[in-house]
């Protein structure tokens, strides 16, 4: 996939993303060739005659990781963990900072609620770790289910329901360059503003009535 948007003056920021061990080159001609191979030609047609303002940078990172601290029989008091220290995501989907912010908000809300009901903080850490685990479930499902569309991804293969969702969201993604509704819905899910459950065919009516 690719992204392009204005940043300042007459400059545009262009990003080409690859997955499944197929990575965009960092030389100009290779970059242009990779952009031309995208299903939509808009980015290539925009940049093919443009002047490169600086070097092309590449960034690669392998694997998503999740630690289930909430399942530990003993967790130290007055110690908490959230964000990347609990669950790190494939940066391709841009979920990490969003999840960390949600975790920070949950920390504030949980701490205020706990203090209203209890004297001291005994037991707070274990309760918060369980909430962090629930926060991570949705973005983890979104990211890993998409990763498993690629044969190069290692791990337990997805079940039938996940495979059906993969096909459904693939159709949505192909619609996004042509449909404002599809694009808005896709980015609301990716940025965790709305749940993908609301956009499934089964739950569509209930979520919008």
N, C-alpha and C. Protein backbone atom coordinates (compact mmCIF):
# COMPACT_ATOMS: atom_id res chain seq x y z
N UNK A 1 0.84 -1.19 0.00
CA UNK A 1 0.00 0.00 0.00
C UNK A 1 0.88 1.24 0.00
N UNK A 2 0.27 2.37 -0.20
CA UNK A 2 1.03 3.61 -0.21
C UNK A 2 0.21 4.75 0.36
N UNK A 3 0.91 5.76 0.87
CA UNK A 3 0.26 6.96 1.39
C UNK A 3 0.98 8.19 0.84
N UNK A 4 0.23 9.26 0.62
CA UNK A 4 0.82 10.51 0.15
C UNK A 4 -0.01 11.66 0.69
N UNK A 5 0.66 12.66 1.28
CA UNK A 5 -0.08 13.82 1.77
C UNK A 5 0.87 15.01 1.91
N UNK A 6 0.31 16.23 1.80
CA UNK A 6 1.15 17.43 1.89
C UNK A 6 1.62 17.65 3.32
N UNK A 7 2.85 18.18 3.48
CA UNK A 7 3.37 18.47 4.81
C UNK A 7 3.60 19.96 5.02
N UNK A 8 4.29 20.63 4.10
CA UNK A 8 4.51 22.07 4.23
C UNK A 8 5.00 22.61 2.89
N UNK A 9 4.65 23.86 2.61
CA UNK A 9 5.07 24.47 1.36
C UNK A 9 4.63 23.63 0.17
N UNK A 10 5.56 23.33 -0.70
CA UNK A 10 5.25 22.50 -1.88
C UNK A 10 5.72 21.06 -1.70
N UNK A 11 6.03 20.66 -0.45
CA UNK A 11 6.55 19.32 -0.18
C UNK A 11 5.43 18.33 0.11
N UNK A 12 5.64 17.10 -0.33
CA UNK A 12 4.71 16.01 -0.06
C UNK A 12 5.47 14.86 0.57
N UNK A 13 4.83 14.21 1.53
CA UNK A 13 5.41 13.03 2.16
C UNK A 13 4.81 11.79 1.51
N UNK A 14 5.67 10.90 1.04
CA UNK A 14 5.22 9.69 0.34
C UNK A 14 5.76 8.47 1.07
N UNK A 15 4.90 7.53 1.33
CA UNK A 15 5.31 6.29 1.95
C UNK A 15 4.78 5.09 1.18
N UNK A 16 5.65 4.14 0.89
CA UNK A 16 5.25 2.90 0.23
C UNK A 16 5.54 1.76 1.21
N UNK A 17 4.56 0.94 1.46
CA UNK A 17 4.68 -0.10 2.48
C UNK A 17 4.56 -1.48 1.85
N UNK A 18 5.40 -2.39 2.31
CA UNK A 18 5.35 -3.77 1.84
C UNK A 18 5.23 -4.73 3.01
N UNK A 19 4.83 -5.94 2.71
CA UNK A 19 4.66 -6.95 3.75
C UNK A 19 4.93 -8.31 3.13
N UNK A 20 5.17 -9.31 3.94
CA UNK A 20 5.41 -10.64 3.42
C UNK A 20 6.74 -10.77 2.73
N UNK A 21 7.77 -10.11 3.26
CA UNK A 21 9.14 -10.16 2.74
C UNK A 21 9.27 -9.54 1.35
N UNK A 22 8.31 -8.71 0.98
CA UNK A 22 8.41 -7.94 -0.26
C UNK A 22 8.51 -6.47 0.12
N UNK A 23 9.74 -5.94 0.14
CA UNK A 23 9.97 -4.63 0.71
C UNK A 23 10.29 -3.61 -0.38
N UNK A 24 9.82 -2.37 -0.23
CA UNK A 24 10.12 -1.31 -1.20
C UNK A 24 11.61 -0.96 -1.19
N UNK A 25 12.24 -0.79 -2.34
CA UNK A 25 13.64 -0.36 -2.39
C UNK A 25 13.78 1.07 -1.91
N UNK A 26 15.00 1.46 -1.53
CA UNK A 26 15.24 2.82 -1.05
C UNK A 26 16.00 3.67 -2.07
N UNK A 27 16.15 3.18 -3.32
CA UNK A 27 16.68 4.02 -4.40
C UNK A 27 15.50 4.55 -5.22
N UNK A 28 15.68 5.68 -5.88
CA UNK A 28 14.57 6.35 -6.54
C UNK A 28 13.90 5.48 -7.59
N UNK A 29 14.67 4.88 -8.48
CA UNK A 29 14.08 4.08 -9.55
C UNK A 29 13.35 2.85 -9.00
N UNK A 30 13.96 2.21 -8.00
CA UNK A 30 13.30 1.06 -7.38
C UNK A 30 12.03 1.45 -6.66
N UNK A 31 12.06 2.61 -6.01
CA UNK A 31 10.90 3.13 -5.30
C UNK A 31 9.75 3.40 -6.27
N UNK A 32 10.07 4.04 -7.40
CA UNK A 32 9.06 4.34 -8.41
C UNK A 32 8.48 3.06 -9.01
N UNK A 33 9.35 2.10 -9.26
CA UNK A 33 8.89 0.83 -9.83
C UNK A 33 7.94 0.12 -8.87
N UNK A 34 8.28 0.16 -7.58
CA UNK A 34 7.43 -0.47 -6.57
C UNK A 34 6.08 0.24 -6.50
N UNK A 35 6.10 1.58 -6.57
CA UNK A 35 4.85 2.35 -6.53
C UNK A 35 3.97 2.03 -7.72
N UNK A 36 4.59 1.77 -8.87
CA UNK A 36 3.84 1.47 -10.09
C UNK A 36 3.15 0.11 -10.00
N UNK A 37 3.65 -0.77 -9.11
CA UNK A 37 3.07 -2.10 -8.96
C UNK A 37 1.85 -2.12 -8.03
N UNK A 38 1.56 -1.00 -7.37
CA UNK A 38 0.38 -0.93 -6.51
C UNK A 38 -0.88 -1.08 -7.36
N UNK A 39 -1.96 -1.59 -6.73
CA UNK A 39 -3.19 -1.81 -7.48
C UNK A 39 -3.79 -0.51 -8.02
N UNK A 40 -3.55 0.59 -7.32
CA UNK A 40 -4.03 1.89 -7.75
C UNK A 40 -2.83 2.72 -8.21
N UNK A 41 -2.92 3.35 -9.37
CA UNK A 41 -1.78 4.06 -9.97
C UNK A 41 -1.67 5.53 -9.54
N UNK A 42 -2.56 6.00 -8.67
CA UNK A 42 -2.60 7.42 -8.34
C UNK A 42 -1.28 7.94 -7.78
N UNK A 43 -0.68 7.20 -6.84
CA UNK A 43 0.57 7.66 -6.22
C UNK A 43 1.69 7.70 -7.25
N UNK A 44 1.81 6.65 -8.03
CA UNK A 44 2.87 6.62 -9.05
C UNK A 44 2.71 7.76 -10.04
N UNK A 45 1.50 7.99 -10.51
CA UNK A 45 1.27 9.06 -11.48
C UNK A 45 1.57 10.43 -10.90
N UNK A 46 1.43 10.57 -9.58
CA UNK A 46 1.69 11.85 -8.92
C UNK A 46 3.18 12.10 -8.74
N UNK A 47 3.96 11.06 -8.45
CA UNK A 47 5.37 11.27 -8.09
C UNK A 47 6.37 10.96 -9.21
N UNK A 48 5.91 10.39 -10.31
CA UNK A 48 6.86 9.94 -11.33
C UNK A 48 7.68 11.07 -11.94
N UNK A 49 7.13 12.29 -11.97
CA UNK A 49 7.85 13.44 -12.51
C UNK A 49 8.32 14.39 -11.42
N UNK A 50 8.10 14.01 -10.16
CA UNK A 50 8.45 14.90 -9.05
C UNK A 50 9.94 14.81 -8.72
N UNK A 51 10.46 15.85 -8.09
CA UNK A 51 11.86 15.89 -7.68
C UNK A 51 12.00 15.36 -6.27
N UNK A 52 12.96 14.47 -6.08
CA UNK A 52 13.22 13.91 -4.76
C UNK A 52 13.94 14.95 -3.90
N UNK A 53 13.37 15.25 -2.71
CA UNK A 53 13.90 16.31 -1.87
C UNK A 53 14.96 15.83 -0.88
N UNK A 54 15.13 14.53 -0.74
CA UNK A 54 16.09 13.99 0.22
C UNK A 54 16.19 12.49 0.05
N UNK A 55 16.96 11.82 0.90
CA UNK A 55 17.11 10.37 0.78
C UNK A 55 15.81 9.63 1.12
N UNK A 56 15.68 8.43 0.60
CA UNK A 56 14.55 7.56 0.91
C UNK A 56 14.96 6.65 2.06
N UNK A 57 14.19 6.66 3.11
CA UNK A 57 14.52 5.87 4.30
C UNK A 57 13.67 4.60 4.35
N UNK A 58 14.29 3.50 4.75
CA UNK A 58 13.57 2.25 4.94
C UNK A 58 13.48 1.89 6.41
N UNK A 59 12.40 1.27 6.79
CA UNK A 59 12.22 0.84 8.17
C UNK A 59 11.60 -0.55 8.17
N UNK A 60 12.23 -1.47 8.85
CA UNK A 60 11.72 -2.84 8.91
C UNK A 60 11.72 -3.34 10.35
N UNK A 61 10.68 -4.08 10.66
CA UNK A 61 10.60 -4.69 11.98
C UNK A 61 9.80 -5.98 11.86
N UNK A 62 10.29 -7.02 12.44
CA UNK A 62 9.64 -8.33 12.33
C UNK A 62 8.90 -8.70 13.60
N UNK A 63 7.66 -9.10 13.45
CA UNK A 63 6.94 -9.74 14.54
C UNK A 63 6.16 -8.83 15.46
N UNK A 64 5.01 -9.32 15.92
CA UNK A 64 4.23 -8.70 16.98
C UNK A 64 4.36 -9.57 18.22
N UNK A 65 4.39 -8.95 19.38
CA UNK A 65 4.59 -9.69 20.63
C UNK A 65 3.55 -9.27 21.66
N UNK A 66 3.07 -10.25 22.41
CA UNK A 66 2.12 -9.97 23.50
C UNK A 66 2.49 -10.83 24.71
N UNK A 67 2.55 -10.17 25.88
CA UNK A 67 2.88 -10.85 27.13
C UNK A 67 1.65 -10.85 28.03
N UNK A 68 1.21 -12.01 28.45
CA UNK A 68 0.00 -12.13 29.26
C UNK A 68 0.34 -12.09 30.74
N UNK A 69 0.73 -10.92 31.21
CA UNK A 69 1.06 -10.76 32.62
C UNK A 69 -0.16 -10.97 33.51
N UNK A 70 -1.35 -10.75 32.95
CA UNK A 70 -2.57 -10.89 33.76
C UNK A 70 -2.80 -12.34 34.18
N UNK A 71 -2.11 -13.29 33.55
CA UNK A 71 -2.27 -14.71 33.88
C UNK A 71 -1.28 -15.19 34.95
N UNK A 72 -0.39 -14.30 35.35
CA UNK A 72 0.60 -14.70 36.36
C UNK A 72 -0.08 -14.91 37.72
N UNK A 73 0.34 -15.95 38.40
CA UNK A 73 -0.24 -16.25 39.73
C UNK A 73 0.14 -15.20 40.76
N UNK A 74 1.31 -14.60 40.59
CA UNK A 74 1.77 -13.58 41.53
C UNK A 74 2.31 -12.39 40.75
N UNK A 75 1.76 -11.21 41.02
CA UNK A 75 2.19 -9.98 40.35
C UNK A 75 2.62 -8.98 41.41
N UNK A 76 3.77 -8.33 41.25
CA UNK A 76 4.26 -7.41 42.30
C UNK A 76 3.34 -6.22 42.52
N UNK A 77 3.13 -5.87 43.76
CA UNK A 77 2.31 -4.71 44.10
C UNK A 77 3.04 -3.42 43.69
N UNK A 78 2.25 -2.38 43.40
CA UNK A 78 2.78 -1.06 43.05
C UNK A 78 3.66 -1.09 41.80
N UNK A 79 3.37 -2.04 40.92
CA UNK A 79 4.11 -2.13 39.66
C UNK A 79 3.12 -2.46 38.55
N UNK A 80 3.14 -1.66 37.47
CA UNK A 80 2.23 -1.90 36.35
C UNK A 80 3.01 -1.89 35.04
N UNK A 81 2.39 -2.46 34.03
CA UNK A 81 3.01 -2.51 32.71
C UNK A 81 1.93 -2.35 31.65
N UNK A 82 2.16 -1.47 30.68
CA UNK A 82 1.23 -1.33 29.56
C UNK A 82 1.99 -0.79 28.36
N UNK A 83 1.30 -0.58 27.25
CA UNK A 83 1.96 -0.13 26.03
C UNK A 83 2.80 -1.26 25.42
N UNK A 84 3.93 -0.90 24.81
CA UNK A 84 4.77 -1.89 24.14
C UNK A 84 5.37 -2.91 25.09
N UNK A 85 5.47 -2.58 26.39
CA UNK A 85 6.04 -3.54 27.34
C UNK A 85 5.11 -4.73 27.56
N UNK A 86 3.85 -4.59 27.18
CA UNK A 86 2.89 -5.69 27.28
C UNK A 86 2.56 -6.25 25.89
N UNK A 87 2.36 -5.34 24.94
CA UNK A 87 1.94 -5.77 23.61
C UNK A 87 2.52 -4.82 22.57
N UNK A 88 3.38 -5.34 21.70
CA UNK A 88 3.93 -4.53 20.62
C UNK A 88 3.37 -5.03 19.30
N UNK A 89 2.98 -4.09 18.45
CA UNK A 89 2.25 -4.42 17.23
C UNK A 89 3.10 -4.18 15.98
N UNK A 90 2.71 -4.84 14.93
CA UNK A 90 3.29 -4.58 13.62
C UNK A 90 3.11 -3.10 13.29
N UNK A 91 4.18 -2.32 13.11
CA UNK A 91 4.03 -0.88 12.87
C UNK A 91 3.33 -0.56 11.55
N UNK A 92 3.17 -1.55 10.71
CA UNK A 92 2.47 -1.37 9.43
C UNK A 92 1.07 -0.79 9.64
N UNK A 93 0.43 -1.14 10.76
CA UNK A 93 -0.96 -0.74 10.98
C UNK A 93 -1.10 0.49 11.87
N UNK A 94 -0.02 1.00 12.42
CA UNK A 94 -0.07 2.23 13.21
C UNK A 94 -0.93 2.14 14.45
N UNK A 95 -0.84 1.03 15.19
CA UNK A 95 -1.70 0.84 16.36
C UNK A 95 -1.02 1.17 17.69
N UNK A 96 0.31 1.08 17.74
CA UNK A 96 1.03 1.11 19.00
C UNK A 96 0.78 2.34 19.86
N UNK A 97 0.91 3.53 19.28
CA UNK A 97 0.73 4.77 20.06
C UNK A 97 -0.72 4.90 20.52
N UNK A 98 -1.66 4.53 19.65
CA UNK A 98 -3.08 4.62 20.01
C UNK A 98 -3.38 3.73 21.21
N UNK A 99 -2.88 2.49 21.17
CA UNK A 99 -3.14 1.55 22.27
C UNK A 99 -2.47 2.04 23.55
N UNK A 100 -1.28 2.60 23.44
CA UNK A 100 -0.60 3.13 24.63
C UNK A 100 -1.39 4.29 25.25
N UNK A 101 -1.96 5.15 24.41
CA UNK A 101 -2.78 6.26 24.91
C UNK A 101 -4.06 5.76 25.59
N UNK A 102 -4.68 4.75 24.99
CA UNK A 102 -5.87 4.16 25.61
C UNK A 102 -5.50 3.53 26.96
N UNK A 103 -4.33 2.90 27.02
CA UNK A 103 -3.87 2.33 28.27
C UNK A 103 -3.64 3.38 29.34
N UNK A 104 -3.08 4.54 28.94
CA UNK A 104 -2.84 5.62 29.89
C UNK A 104 -4.16 6.19 30.41
N UNK A 105 -5.13 6.33 29.52
CA UNK A 105 -6.46 6.82 29.93
C UNK A 105 -7.12 5.83 30.89
N UNK A 106 -7.00 4.54 30.57
CA UNK A 106 -7.56 3.52 31.44
C UNK A 106 -6.88 3.51 32.80
N UNK A 107 -5.57 3.76 32.82
CA UNK A 107 -4.83 3.83 34.09
C UNK A 107 -5.40 4.93 34.97
N UNK A 108 -5.63 6.09 34.38
CA UNK A 108 -6.18 7.22 35.13
C UNK A 108 -7.57 6.89 35.68
N UNK A 109 -8.43 6.35 34.81
CA UNK A 109 -9.80 6.05 35.22
C UNK A 109 -9.84 4.94 36.28
N UNK A 110 -9.03 3.90 36.08
CA UNK A 110 -9.02 2.78 37.01
C UNK A 110 -8.46 3.20 38.37
N UNK A 111 -7.44 4.04 38.37
CA UNK A 111 -6.83 4.50 39.61
C UNK A 111 -7.80 5.36 40.41
N UNK A 112 -8.52 6.25 39.72
CA UNK A 112 -9.51 7.10 40.41
C UNK A 112 -10.63 6.24 41.01
N UNK A 113 -11.12 5.27 40.23
CA UNK A 113 -12.19 4.41 40.71
C UNK A 113 -11.73 3.55 41.88
N UNK A 114 -10.50 3.03 41.78
CA UNK A 114 -9.97 2.18 42.84
C UNK A 114 -9.81 2.96 44.14
N UNK A 115 -9.35 4.18 44.05
CA UNK A 115 -9.15 5.00 45.26
C UNK A 115 -10.46 5.38 45.92
N UNK A 116 -11.53 5.50 45.14
CA UNK A 116 -12.83 5.82 45.72
C UNK A 116 -13.38 4.65 46.54
N UNK A 117 -13.00 3.44 46.12
CA UNK A 117 -13.58 2.25 46.75
C UNK A 117 -12.67 1.60 47.78
N UNK A 118 -11.39 1.96 47.76
CA UNK A 118 -10.44 1.25 48.62
C UNK A 118 -9.52 2.24 49.35
N UNK A 119 -8.98 1.77 50.47
CA UNK A 119 -7.95 2.50 51.17
C UNK A 119 -6.60 1.91 50.76
N UNK A 120 -5.76 2.73 50.20
CA UNK A 120 -4.49 2.24 49.70
C UNK A 120 -4.63 1.66 48.29
N UNK A 121 -3.55 1.03 47.84
CA UNK A 121 -3.52 0.50 46.47
C UNK A 121 -3.30 -1.01 46.44
N UNK A 122 -3.56 -1.67 47.55
CA UNK A 122 -3.38 -3.12 47.60
C UNK A 122 -4.28 -3.80 46.57
N UNK A 123 -3.70 -4.56 45.65
CA UNK A 123 -4.46 -5.28 44.63
C UNK A 123 -4.70 -4.52 43.35
N UNK A 124 -4.34 -3.22 43.32
CA UNK A 124 -4.60 -2.41 42.13
C UNK A 124 -3.85 -2.91 40.90
N UNK A 125 -2.58 -3.25 41.07
CA UNK A 125 -1.74 -3.64 39.93
C UNK A 125 -2.32 -4.82 39.18
N UNK A 126 -2.76 -5.84 39.89
CA UNK A 126 -3.31 -7.03 39.24
C UNK A 126 -4.59 -6.71 38.49
N UNK A 127 -5.43 -5.85 39.08
CA UNK A 127 -6.68 -5.45 38.42
C UNK A 127 -6.40 -4.68 37.13
N UNK A 128 -5.42 -3.78 37.18
CA UNK A 128 -5.11 -2.98 36.00
C UNK A 128 -4.53 -3.85 34.89
N UNK A 129 -3.69 -4.84 35.22
CA UNK A 129 -3.12 -5.70 34.19
C UNK A 129 -4.21 -6.47 33.44
N UNK A 130 -5.28 -6.84 34.12
CA UNK A 130 -6.39 -7.51 33.46
C UNK A 130 -7.09 -6.56 32.49
N UNK A 131 -7.20 -5.29 32.86
CA UNK A 131 -7.82 -4.31 31.98
C UNK A 131 -6.95 -4.06 30.74
N UNK A 132 -5.65 -4.03 30.94
CA UNK A 132 -4.72 -3.85 29.82
C UNK A 132 -4.88 -4.99 28.82
N UNK A 133 -5.04 -6.21 29.33
CA UNK A 133 -5.21 -7.37 28.46
C UNK A 133 -6.47 -7.22 27.60
N UNK A 134 -7.55 -6.70 28.17
CA UNK A 134 -8.79 -6.50 27.42
C UNK A 134 -8.60 -5.41 26.36
N UNK A 135 -7.86 -4.37 26.69
CA UNK A 135 -7.61 -3.29 25.73
C UNK A 135 -6.85 -3.83 24.52
N UNK A 136 -5.92 -4.74 24.75
CA UNK A 136 -5.08 -5.24 23.67
C UNK A 136 -5.78 -6.23 22.74
N UNK A 137 -6.89 -6.80 23.17
CA UNK A 137 -7.53 -7.86 22.39
C UNK A 137 -7.94 -7.43 20.99
N UNK A 138 -8.62 -6.29 20.88
CA UNK A 138 -9.12 -5.85 19.57
C UNK A 138 -7.99 -5.51 18.61
N UNK A 139 -7.05 -4.62 18.98
CA UNK A 139 -5.97 -4.30 18.03
C UNK A 139 -5.11 -5.52 17.69
N UNK A 140 -4.93 -6.41 18.66
CA UNK A 140 -4.16 -7.63 18.39
C UNK A 140 -4.87 -8.49 17.34
N UNK A 141 -6.19 -8.62 17.47
CA UNK A 141 -6.97 -9.40 16.50
C UNK A 141 -6.92 -8.75 15.13
N UNK A 142 -7.06 -7.43 15.08
CA UNK A 142 -7.02 -6.72 13.80
C UNK A 142 -5.68 -6.92 13.09
N UNK A 143 -4.61 -6.72 13.83
CA UNK A 143 -3.29 -6.79 13.22
C UNK A 143 -2.88 -8.20 12.83
N UNK A 144 -3.04 -9.15 13.75
CA UNK A 144 -2.58 -10.50 13.47
C UNK A 144 -3.44 -11.21 12.42
N UNK A 145 -4.75 -10.95 12.42
CA UNK A 145 -5.60 -11.58 11.41
C UNK A 145 -5.23 -11.09 10.02
N UNK A 146 -4.85 -9.82 9.92
CA UNK A 146 -4.41 -9.29 8.62
C UNK A 146 -3.04 -9.87 8.25
N UNK A 147 -2.16 -10.00 9.22
CA UNK A 147 -0.83 -10.58 8.95
C UNK A 147 -0.94 -11.99 8.37
N UNK A 148 -1.93 -12.74 8.84
CA UNK A 148 -2.04 -14.14 8.41
C UNK A 148 -2.63 -14.29 7.01
N UNK A 149 -2.90 -13.19 6.35
CA UNK A 149 -3.26 -13.27 4.93
C UNK A 149 -2.03 -13.61 4.10
N UNK A 150 -0.84 -13.46 4.71
CA UNK A 150 0.41 -13.68 3.98
C UNK A 150 1.01 -15.02 4.39
N UNK A 151 1.42 -15.80 3.41
CA UNK A 151 1.94 -17.15 3.67
C UNK A 151 3.24 -17.13 4.46
N UNK A 152 3.95 -16.00 4.45
CA UNK A 152 5.24 -15.91 5.15
C UNK A 152 5.08 -15.69 6.66
N UNK A 153 3.86 -15.40 7.13
CA UNK A 153 3.63 -15.17 8.55
C UNK A 153 3.70 -16.49 9.31
N UNK A 154 4.44 -16.49 10.43
CA UNK A 154 4.60 -17.69 11.24
C UNK A 154 3.65 -17.65 12.43
N UNK A 155 3.10 -18.81 12.78
CA UNK A 155 2.21 -18.89 13.93
C UNK A 155 1.01 -19.77 13.63
N UNK A 156 0.12 -19.92 14.63
CA UNK A 156 -1.09 -20.72 14.47
C UNK A 156 -2.01 -20.09 13.44
N UNK A 157 -2.45 -20.86 12.46
CA UNK A 157 -3.26 -20.32 11.38
C UNK A 157 -4.64 -19.89 11.88
N UNK A 158 -5.23 -18.86 11.28
CA UNK A 158 -6.53 -18.36 11.75
C UNK A 158 -7.68 -19.33 11.46
N UNK A 159 -8.76 -19.19 12.25
CA UNK A 159 -9.91 -20.06 12.07
C UNK A 159 -10.79 -19.57 10.93
N UNK A 160 -11.91 -20.25 10.69
CA UNK A 160 -12.78 -19.94 9.56
C UNK A 160 -13.37 -18.53 9.67
N UNK A 161 -13.81 -18.15 10.87
CA UNK A 161 -14.41 -16.82 11.05
C UNK A 161 -13.41 -15.72 10.69
N UNK A 162 -12.16 -15.88 11.14
CA UNK A 162 -11.13 -14.89 10.84
C UNK A 162 -10.87 -14.82 9.34
N UNK A 163 -10.87 -15.97 8.67
CA UNK A 163 -10.63 -15.99 7.22
C UNK A 163 -11.76 -15.28 6.47
N UNK A 164 -12.99 -15.45 6.93
CA UNK A 164 -14.12 -14.75 6.31
C UNK A 164 -14.00 -13.25 6.50
N UNK A 165 -13.58 -12.82 7.71
CA UNK A 165 -13.39 -11.40 7.96
C UNK A 165 -12.27 -10.83 7.10
N UNK A 166 -11.23 -11.63 6.87
CA UNK A 166 -10.14 -11.18 6.02
C UNK A 166 -10.64 -10.87 4.62
N UNK A 167 -11.46 -11.75 4.07
CA UNK A 167 -12.00 -11.54 2.73
C UNK A 167 -12.92 -10.31 2.69
N UNK A 168 -13.70 -10.15 3.75
CA UNK A 168 -14.61 -9.01 3.81
C UNK A 168 -13.85 -7.69 3.84
N UNK A 169 -12.83 -7.59 4.71
CA UNK A 169 -12.08 -6.34 4.82
C UNK A 169 -11.20 -6.09 3.61
N UNK A 170 -10.80 -7.17 2.93
CA UNK A 170 -10.05 -6.98 1.69
C UNK A 170 -10.91 -6.26 0.66
N UNK A 171 -12.17 -6.62 0.59
CA UNK A 171 -13.09 -5.94 -0.34
C UNK A 171 -13.28 -4.47 0.06
N UNK A 172 -13.36 -4.23 1.36
CA UNK A 172 -13.49 -2.85 1.84
C UNK A 172 -12.27 -2.02 1.44
N UNK A 173 -11.08 -2.59 1.61
CA UNK A 173 -9.84 -1.88 1.27
C UNK A 173 -9.78 -1.53 -0.21
N UNK A 174 -10.25 -2.45 -1.06
CA UNK A 174 -10.24 -2.19 -2.50
C UNK A 174 -11.23 -1.08 -2.87
N UNK A 175 -12.23 -0.88 -2.03
CA UNK A 175 -13.22 0.16 -2.29
C UNK A 175 -12.74 1.55 -1.86
N UNK A 176 -11.80 1.61 -0.92
CA UNK A 176 -11.45 2.89 -0.29
C UNK A 176 -10.99 3.98 -1.26
N UNK A 177 -10.24 3.68 -2.34
CA UNK A 177 -9.86 4.78 -3.25
C UNK A 177 -11.04 5.38 -4.01
N UNK A 178 -12.16 4.63 -4.06
CA UNK A 178 -13.30 5.08 -4.86
C UNK A 178 -14.50 5.50 -4.01
N UNK A 179 -14.52 5.12 -2.75
CA UNK A 179 -15.67 5.38 -1.90
C UNK A 179 -15.27 6.12 -0.63
N UNK A 180 -15.84 7.29 -0.41
CA UNK A 180 -15.56 8.05 0.81
C UNK A 180 -16.08 7.32 2.04
N UNK A 181 -17.23 6.66 1.91
CA UNK A 181 -17.81 5.93 3.04
C UNK A 181 -16.90 4.77 3.43
N UNK A 182 -16.43 4.02 2.44
CA UNK A 182 -15.55 2.88 2.72
C UNK A 182 -14.23 3.36 3.33
N UNK A 183 -13.67 4.45 2.80
CA UNK A 183 -12.41 4.98 3.32
C UNK A 183 -12.57 5.46 4.76
N UNK A 184 -13.66 6.19 5.02
CA UNK A 184 -13.92 6.69 6.38
C UNK A 184 -14.09 5.53 7.36
N UNK A 185 -14.85 4.52 6.97
CA UNK A 185 -15.08 3.37 7.83
C UNK A 185 -13.78 2.63 8.11
N UNK A 186 -12.96 2.44 7.07
CA UNK A 186 -11.69 1.73 7.21
C UNK A 186 -10.77 2.44 8.19
N UNK A 187 -10.63 3.76 8.04
CA UNK A 187 -9.72 4.50 8.92
C UNK A 187 -10.26 4.62 10.34
N UNK A 188 -11.58 4.66 10.50
CA UNK A 188 -12.15 4.67 11.85
C UNK A 188 -11.81 3.39 12.60
N UNK A 189 -11.80 2.27 11.87
CA UNK A 189 -11.44 0.99 12.49
C UNK A 189 -9.95 0.94 12.78
N UNK A 190 -9.12 1.30 11.79
CA UNK A 190 -7.68 1.24 11.95
C UNK A 190 -7.18 2.16 13.05
N UNK A 191 -7.84 3.31 13.24
CA UNK A 191 -7.44 4.24 14.28
C UNK A 191 -8.21 4.00 15.58
N UNK A 192 -8.98 2.89 15.61
CA UNK A 192 -9.68 2.44 16.82
C UNK A 192 -10.69 3.47 17.35
N UNK A 193 -11.27 4.22 16.42
CA UNK A 193 -12.35 5.13 16.79
C UNK A 193 -13.66 4.37 16.91
N UNK A 194 -13.82 3.34 16.04
CA UNK A 194 -15.00 2.50 16.10
C UNK A 194 -14.58 1.04 16.03
N UNK A 195 -15.47 0.17 16.49
CA UNK A 195 -15.19 -1.26 16.49
C UNK A 195 -15.54 -1.86 15.13
N UNK A 196 -14.74 -2.82 14.64
CA UNK A 196 -15.07 -3.47 13.36
C UNK A 196 -16.36 -4.27 13.43
N UNK A 197 -16.81 -4.62 14.65
CA UNK A 197 -18.06 -5.36 14.80
C UNK A 197 -19.22 -4.56 14.22
N UNK A 198 -19.14 -3.23 14.37
CA UNK A 198 -20.22 -2.38 13.88
C UNK A 198 -20.32 -2.40 12.36
N UNK A 199 -19.24 -2.76 11.67
CA UNK A 199 -19.23 -2.71 10.23
C UNK A 199 -19.38 -4.09 9.59
N UNK A 200 -19.56 -5.13 10.40
CA UNK A 200 -19.78 -6.44 9.82
C UNK A 200 -21.22 -6.52 9.32
N UNK A 201 -21.51 -7.34 8.30
CA UNK A 201 -22.86 -7.42 7.75
C UNK A 201 -23.90 -7.79 8.79
N UNK A 202 -23.51 -8.62 9.78
CA UNK A 202 -24.47 -9.10 10.77
C UNK A 202 -24.92 -7.97 11.70
N UNK A 203 -23.98 -7.12 12.08
CA UNK A 203 -24.25 -6.10 13.11
C UNK A 203 -24.47 -4.71 12.53
N UNK A 204 -24.50 -4.57 11.21
CA UNK A 204 -24.58 -3.25 10.60
C UNK A 204 -25.80 -2.47 11.06
N UNK A 205 -26.96 -3.12 11.04
CA UNK A 205 -28.22 -2.41 11.37
C UNK A 205 -28.22 -2.00 12.83
N UNK A 206 -27.85 -2.91 13.73
CA UNK A 206 -27.91 -2.62 15.16
C UNK A 206 -26.98 -1.50 15.56
N UNK A 207 -25.82 -1.36 14.86
CA UNK A 207 -24.85 -0.34 15.22
C UNK A 207 -25.24 1.04 14.75
N UNK A 208 -26.10 1.12 13.75
CA UNK A 208 -26.41 2.43 13.19
C UNK A 208 -27.85 2.85 13.40
N UNK A 209 -28.62 2.09 14.20
CA UNK A 209 -29.98 2.50 14.51
C UNK A 209 -30.00 3.25 15.83
